[in-house]
């Protein structure tokens, strides 16, 4: 049984804070795909930026030397 990867902000796939990169690693997507989904979702009304900032604050950074 494979161990589930926990959510952490990415150090390798970081543009602003590593939130989209961390989500991509967690769910097996490409960082570019997650960023594209985020940017497209910003066209719709909603709290996207607030959620991003909350994840930036609440999700820990990936530990240095973490094995993926």
PDB file of N, CA and C in Angstrom:
ATOM      1  N   UNK A   1       0.840  -1.181   0.000  1.00  0.00           N
ATOM      2  CA  UNK A   1       0.000   0.000   0.000  1.00  0.00           C
ATOM      3  C   UNK A   1       0.887   1.247   0.000  1.00  0.00           C
ATOM      4  N   UNK A   2       0.668   2.140  -0.961  1.00  0.00           N
ATOM      5  CA  UNK A   2       1.473   3.356  -1.067  1.00  0.00           C
ATOM      6  C   UNK A   2       1.010   4.377  -0.031  1.00  0.00           C
ATOM      7  N   UNK A   3       1.979   5.056   0.573  1.00  0.00           N
ATOM      8  CA  UNK A   3       1.660   6.073   1.558  1.00  0.00           C
ATOM      9  C   UNK A   3       1.184   7.340   0.842  1.00  0.00           C
ATOM     10  N   UNK A   4       0.085   7.905   1.317  1.00  0.00           N
ATOM     11  CA  UNK A   4      -0.451   9.125   0.712  1.00  0.00           C
ATOM     12  C   UNK A   4       0.474  10.298   1.021  1.00  0.00           C
ATOM     13  N   UNK A   5       0.740  11.094   0.020  1.00  0.00           N
ATOM     14  CA  UNK A   5       1.583  12.271   0.191  1.00  0.00           C
ATOM     15  C   UNK A   5       0.756  13.367   0.839  1.00  0.00           C
ATOM     16  N   UNK A   6       1.311  13.994   1.863  1.00  0.00           N
ATOM     17  CA  UNK A   6       0.580  15.066   2.539  1.00  0.00           C
ATOM     18  C   UNK A   6       0.773  16.376   1.788  1.00  0.00           C
ATOM     19  N   UNK A   7      -0.112  17.300   2.031  1.00  0.00           N
ATOM     20  CA  UNK A   7      -0.070  18.592   1.359  1.00  0.00           C
ATOM     21  C   UNK A   7       1.007  19.472   1.977  1.00  0.00           C
ATOM     22  N   UNK A   8       1.906  19.968   1.142  1.00  0.00           N
ATOM     23  CA  UNK A   8       2.963  20.887   1.570  1.00  0.00           C
ATOM     24  C   UNK A   8       3.278  21.808   0.397  1.00  0.00           C
ATOM     25  N   UNK A   9       3.640  23.057   0.706  1.00  0.00           N
ATOM     26  CA  UNK A   9       4.021  23.996  -0.357  1.00  0.00           C
ATOM     27  C   UNK A   9       5.330  23.524  -0.985  1.00  0.00           C
ATOM     28  N   UNK A  10       5.369  23.522  -2.282  1.00  0.00           N
ATOM     29  CA  UNK A  10       6.510  23.013  -3.027  1.00  0.00           C
ATOM     30  C   UNK A  10       7.695  23.973  -2.993  1.00  0.00           C
ATOM     31  N   UNK A  11       8.879  23.430  -2.849  1.00  0.00           N
ATOM     32  CA  UNK A  11      10.101  24.230  -2.968  1.00  0.00           C
ATOM     33  C   UNK A  11      10.616  24.207  -4.404  1.00  0.00           C
ATOM     34  N   UNK A  12      10.334  23.116  -5.123  1.00  0.00           N
ATOM     35  CA  UNK A  12      10.844  22.969  -6.487  1.00  0.00           C
ATOM     36  C   UNK A  12       9.961  23.648  -7.533  1.00  0.00           C
ATOM     37  N   UNK A  13       8.653  23.612  -7.334  1.00  0.00           N
ATOM     38  CA  UNK A  13       7.708  24.149  -8.317  1.00  0.00           C
ATOM     39  C   UNK A  13       7.054  25.402  -7.755  1.00  0.00           C
ATOM     40  N   UNK A  14       7.882  26.357  -7.385  1.00  0.00           N
ATOM     41  CA  UNK A  14       7.415  27.564  -6.721  1.00  0.00           C
ATOM     42  C   UNK A  14       7.483  28.742  -7.682  1.00  0.00           C
ATOM     43  N   UNK A  15       6.382  29.490  -7.787  1.00  0.00           N
ATOM     44  CA  UNK A  15       6.387  30.739  -8.535  1.00  0.00           C
ATOM     45  C   UNK A  15       6.199  31.883  -7.552  1.00  0.00           C
ATOM     46  N   UNK A  16       5.122  31.841  -6.770  1.00  0.00           N
ATOM     47  CA  UNK A  16       4.902  32.871  -5.746  1.00  0.00           C
ATOM     48  C   UNK A  16       5.172  32.268  -4.370  1.00  0.00           C
ATOM     49  N   UNK A  17       4.334  31.334  -3.968  1.00  0.00           N
ATOM     50  CA  UNK A  17       4.476  30.756  -2.630  1.00  0.00           C
ATOM     51  C   UNK A  17       4.590  29.237  -2.643  1.00  0.00           C
ATOM     52  N   UNK A  18       4.427  28.613  -3.802  1.00  0.00           N
ATOM     53  CA  UNK A  18       4.513  27.162  -3.888  1.00  0.00           C
ATOM     54  C   UNK A  18       3.205  26.451  -3.620  1.00  0.00           C
ATOM     55  N   UNK A  19       2.105  27.199  -3.492  1.00  0.00           N
ATOM     56  CA  UNK A  19       0.808  26.584  -3.200  1.00  0.00           C
ATOM     57  C   UNK A  19       0.335  25.736  -4.376  1.00  0.00           C
ATOM     58  N   UNK A  20       0.330  26.288  -5.575  1.00  0.00           N
ATOM     59  CA  UNK A  20      -0.122  25.531  -6.746  1.00  0.00           C
ATOM     60  C   UNK A  20       0.793  24.340  -7.017  1.00  0.00           C
ATOM     61  N   UNK A  21       2.099  24.528  -6.826  1.00  0.00           N
ATOM     62  CA  UNK A  21       3.038  23.420  -7.001  1.00  0.00           C
ATOM     63  C   UNK A  21       2.794  22.316  -5.988  1.00  0.00           C
ATOM     64  N   UNK A  22       2.506  22.692  -4.755  1.00  0.00           N
ATOM     65  CA  UNK A  22       2.212  21.703  -3.714  1.00  0.00           C
ATOM     66  C   UNK A  22       0.922  20.952  -3.985  1.00  0.00           C
ATOM     67  N   UNK A  23      -0.108  21.678  -4.433  1.00  0.00           N
ATOM     68  CA  UNK A  23      -1.366  21.020  -4.788  1.00  0.00           C
ATOM     69  C   UNK A  23      -1.161  20.061  -5.955  1.00  0.00           C
ATOM     70  N   UNK A  24      -0.366  20.476  -6.938  1.00  0.00           N
ATOM     71  CA  UNK A  24      -0.097  19.622  -8.093  1.00  0.00           C
ATOM     72  C   UNK A  24       0.618  18.341  -7.675  1.00  0.00           C
ATOM     73  N   UNK A  25       1.619  18.463  -6.821  1.00  0.00           N
ATOM     74  CA  UNK A  25       2.345  17.278  -6.358  1.00  0.00           C
ATOM     75  C   UNK A  25       1.420  16.358  -5.565  1.00  0.00           C
ATOM     76  N   UNK A  26       0.560  16.934  -4.742  1.00  0.00           N
ATOM     77  CA  UNK A  26      -0.340  16.144  -3.892  1.00  0.00           C
ATOM     78  C   UNK A  26      -1.335  15.345  -4.708  1.00  0.00           C
ATOM     79  N   UNK A  27      -1.872  15.968  -5.786  1.00  0.00           N
ATOM     80  CA  UNK A  27      -2.924  15.325  -6.565  1.00  0.00           C
ATOM     81  C   UNK A  27      -2.440  14.744  -7.891  1.00  0.00           C
ATOM     82  N   UNK A  28      -1.119  14.702  -8.110  1.00  0.00           N
ATOM     83  CA  UNK A  28      -0.564  14.061  -9.301  1.00  0.00           C
ATOM     84  C   UNK A  28      -0.825  14.818 -10.591  1.00  0.00           C
ATOM     85  N   UNK A  29      -0.845  16.128 -10.517  1.00  0.00           N
ATOM     86  CA  UNK A  29      -1.055  16.960 -11.701  1.00  0.00           C
ATOM     87  C   UNK A  29       0.222  17.731 -11.997  1.00  0.00           C
ATOM     88  N   UNK A  30       0.217  18.454 -13.115  1.00  0.00           N
ATOM     89  CA  UNK A  30       1.361  19.307 -13.416  1.00  0.00           C
ATOM     90  C   UNK A  30       1.145  20.657 -12.747  1.00  0.00           C
ATOM     91  N   UNK A  31       2.214  21.298 -12.263  1.00  0.00           N
ATOM     92  CA  UNK A  31       2.070  22.623 -11.655  1.00  0.00           C
ATOM     93  C   UNK A  31       1.454  23.643 -12.614  1.00  0.00           C
ATOM     94  N   UNK A  32       1.811  23.563 -13.885  1.00  0.00           N
ATOM     95  CA  UNK A  32       1.261  24.482 -14.880  1.00  0.00           C
ATOM     96  C   UNK A  32      -0.247  24.301 -15.004  1.00  0.00           C
ATOM     97  N   UNK A  33      -0.711  23.069 -14.953  1.00  0.00           N
ATOM     98  CA  UNK A  33      -2.146  22.794 -15.034  1.00  0.00           C
ATOM     99  C   UNK A  33      -2.905  23.380 -13.856  1.00  0.00           C
ATOM    100  N   UNK A  34      -2.356  23.235 -12.657  1.00  0.00           N
ATOM    101  CA  UNK A  34      -3.009  23.786 -11.467  1.00  0.00           C
ATOM    102  C   UNK A  34      -3.020  25.308 -11.533  1.00  0.00           C
ATOM    103  N   UNK A  35      -1.927  25.904 -11.969  1.00  0.00           N
ATOM    104  CA  UNK A  35      -1.881  27.366 -12.095  1.00  0.00           C
ATOM    105  C   UNK A  35      -2.899  27.853 -13.127  1.00  0.00           C
ATOM    106  N   UNK A  36      -3.018  27.136 -14.230  1.00  0.00           N
ATOM    107  CA  UNK A  36      -3.977  27.500 -15.264  1.00  0.00           C
ATOM    108  C   UNK A  36      -5.403  27.409 -14.731  1.00  0.00           C
ATOM    109  N   UNK A  37      -5.712  26.357 -13.995  1.00  0.00           N
ATOM    110  CA  UNK A  37      -7.035  26.213 -13.384  1.00  0.00           C
ATOM    111  C   UNK A  37      -7.297  27.379 -12.429  1.00  0.00           C
ATOM    112  N   UNK A  38      -6.293  27.760 -11.637  1.00  0.00           N
ATOM    113  CA  UNK A  38      -6.457  28.868 -10.701  1.00  0.00           C
ATOM    114  C   UNK A  38      -6.728  30.178 -11.441  1.00  0.00           C
ATOM    115  N   UNK A  39      -5.950  30.457 -12.473  1.00  0.00           N
ATOM    116  CA  UNK A  39      -6.116  31.714 -13.217  1.00  0.00           C
ATOM    117  C   UNK A  39      -7.482  31.756 -13.893  1.00  0.00           C
ATOM    118  N   UNK A  40      -7.898  30.652 -14.493  1.00  0.00           N
ATOM    119  CA  UNK A  40      -9.215  30.610 -15.138  1.00  0.00           C
ATOM    120  C   UNK A  40     -10.318  30.763 -14.097  1.00  0.00           C
ATOM    121  N   UNK A  41     -10.138  30.165 -12.922  1.00  0.00           N
ATOM    122  CA  UNK A  41     -11.164  30.271 -11.873  1.00  0.00           C
ATOM    123  C   UNK A  41     -11.304  31.703 -11.366  1.00  0.00           C
ATOM    124  N   UNK A  42     -10.286  32.517 -11.536  1.00  0.00           N
ATOM    125  CA  UNK A  42     -10.354  33.910 -11.073  1.00  0.00           C
ATOM    126  C   UNK A  42     -11.325  34.742 -11.893  1.00  0.00           C
ATOM    127  N   UNK A  43     -11.721  34.255 -13.062  1.00  0.00           N
ATOM    128  CA  UNK A  43     -12.720  34.928 -13.880  1.00  0.00           C
ATOM    129  C   UNK A  43     -14.087  34.833 -13.196  1.00  0.00           C
ATOM    130  N   UNK A  44     -14.326  33.723 -12.504  1.00  0.00           N
ATOM    131  CA  UNK A  44     -15.596  33.501 -11.818  1.00  0.00           C
ATOM    132  C   UNK A  44     -15.613  34.240 -10.486  1.00  0.00           C
ATOM    133  N   UNK A  45     -16.787  34.639 -10.042  1.00  0.00           N
ATOM    134  CA  UNK A  45     -16.853  35.286  -8.724  1.00  0.00           C
ATOM    135  C   UNK A  45     -16.583  34.268  -7.623  1.00  0.00           C
ATOM    136  N   UNK A  46     -15.891  34.706  -6.606  1.00  0.00           N
ATOM    137  CA  UNK A  46     -15.605  33.809  -5.490  1.00  0.00           C
ATOM    138  C   UNK A  46     -14.353  34.228  -4.749  1.00  0.00           C
ATOM    139  N   UNK A  47     -14.045  33.510  -3.696  1.00  0.00           N
ATOM    140  CA  UNK A  47     -12.928  33.883  -2.818  1.00  0.00           C
ATOM    141  C   UNK A  47     -11.594  33.226  -3.188  1.00  0.00           C
ATOM    142  N   UNK A  48     -11.286  33.090  -4.484  1.00  0.00           N
ATOM    143  CA  UNK A  48     -10.078  32.382  -4.895  1.00  0.00           C
ATOM    144  C   UNK A  48      -8.810  32.961  -4.278  1.00  0.00           C
ATOM    145  N   UNK A  49      -8.672  34.275  -4.285  1.00  0.00           N
ATOM    146  CA  UNK A  49      -7.457  34.893  -3.748  1.00  0.00           C
ATOM    147  C   UNK A  49      -7.367  34.708  -2.241  1.00  0.00           C
ATOM    148  N   UNK A  50      -8.504  34.784  -1.562  1.00  0.00           N
ATOM    149  CA  UNK A  50      -8.500  34.569  -0.112  1.00  0.00           C
ATOM    150  C   UNK A  50      -8.117  33.128   0.231  1.00  0.00           C
ATOM    151  N   UNK A  51      -8.617  32.183  -0.560  1.00  0.00           N
ATOM    152  CA  UNK A  51      -8.258  30.778  -0.338  1.00  0.00           C
ATOM    153  C   UNK A  51      -6.768  30.578  -0.582  1.00  0.00           C
ATOM    154  N   UNK A  52      -6.230  31.186  -1.650  1.00  0.00           N
ATOM    155  CA  UNK A  52      -4.796  31.065  -1.938  1.00  0.00           C
ATOM    156  C   UNK A  52      -3.963  31.618  -0.777  1.00  0.00           C
ATOM    157  N   UNK A  53      -4.347  32.788  -0.277  1.00  0.00           N
ATOM    158  CA  UNK A  53      -3.600  33.398   0.836  1.00  0.00           C
ATOM    159  C   UNK A  53      -3.719  32.544   2.088  1.00  0.00           C
ATOM    160  N   UNK A  54      -4.904  31.983   2.343  1.00  0.00           N
ATOM    161  CA  UNK A  54      -5.084  31.107   3.506  1.00  0.00           C
ATOM    162  C   UNK A  54      -4.219  29.861   3.387  1.00  0.00           C
ATOM    163  N   UNK A  55      -4.156  29.268   2.190  1.00  0.00           N
ATOM    164  CA  UNK A  55      -3.296  28.097   1.998  1.00  0.00           C
ATOM    165  C   UNK A  55      -1.833  28.470   2.163  1.00  0.00           C
ATOM    166  N   UNK A  56      -1.445  29.650   1.698  1.00  0.00           N
ATOM    167  CA  UNK A  56      -0.076  30.135   1.837  1.00  0.00           C
ATOM    168  C   UNK A  56       0.306  30.198   3.313  1.00  0.00           C
ATOM    169  N   UNK A  57      -0.634  30.650   4.137  1.00  0.00           N
ATOM    170  CA  UNK A  57      -0.366  30.795   5.571  1.00  0.00           C
ATOM    171  C   UNK A  57      -0.449  29.452   6.301  1.00  0.00           C
ATOM    172  N   UNK A  58      -1.441  28.624   5.966  1.00  0.00           N
ATOM    173  CA  UNK A  58      -1.727  27.415   6.737  1.00  0.00           C
ATOM    174  C   UNK A  58      -0.937  26.172   6.325  1.00  0.00           C
ATOM    175  N   UNK A  59      -0.594  26.063   5.046  1.00  0.00           N
ATOM    176  CA  UNK A  59       0.108  24.864   4.562  1.00  0.00           C
ATOM    177  C   UNK A  59       1.593  25.019   4.796  1.00  0.00           C
ATOM    178  N   UNK A  60       2.223  24.052   5.468  1.00  0.00           N
ATOM    179  CA  UNK A  60       3.657  24.177   5.739  1.00  0.00           C
ATOM    180  C   UNK A  60       4.490  24.001   4.477  1.00  0.00           C
ATOM    181  N   UNK A  61       5.706  24.548   4.514  1.00  0.00           N
ATOM    182  CA  UNK A  61       6.649  24.344   3.407  1.00  0.00           C
ATOM    183  C   UNK A  61       7.095  22.895   3.406  1.00  0.00           C
ATOM    184  N   UNK A  62       7.424  22.404   2.220  1.00  0.00           N
ATOM    185  CA  UNK A  62       7.975  21.077   2.081  1.00  0.00           C
ATOM    186  C   UNK A  62       9.327  21.054   2.780  1.00  0.00           C
ATOM    187  N   UNK A  63       9.610  20.046   3.591  1.00  0.00           N
ATOM    188  CA  UNK A  63      10.903  20.000   4.276  1.00  0.00           C
ATOM    189  C   UNK A  63      12.051  19.908   3.274  1.00  0.00           C
ATOM    190  N   UNK A  64      13.172  20.493   3.627  1.00  0.00           N
ATOM    191  CA  UNK A  64      14.355  20.417   2.751  1.00  0.00           C
ATOM    192  C   UNK A  64      14.795  18.958   2.629  1.00  0.00           C
ATOM    193  N   UNK A  65      15.162  18.579   1.426  1.00  0.00           N
ATOM    194  CA  UNK A  65      15.645  17.227   1.198  1.00  0.00           C
ATOM    195  C   UNK A  65      14.554  16.179   1.274  1.00  0.00           C
ATOM    196  N   UNK A  66      13.297  16.604   1.102  1.00  0.00           N
ATOM    197  CA  UNK A  66      12.178  15.655   1.161  1.00  0.00           C
ATOM    198  C   UNK A  66      12.232  14.736  -0.054  1.00  0.00           C
ATOM    199  N   UNK A  67      11.970  13.484   0.178  1.00  0.00           N
ATOM    200  CA  UNK A  67      11.953  12.500  -0.895  1.00  0.00           C
ATOM    201  C   UNK A  67      10.544  12.424  -1.440  1.00  0.00           C
ATOM    202  N   UNK A  68      10.413  12.592  -2.752  1.00  0.00           N
ATOM    203  CA  UNK A  68       9.082  12.591  -3.381  1.00  0.00           C
ATOM    204  C   UNK A  68       8.686  11.186  -3.709  1.00  0.00           C
TER     205      UNK A  68
END
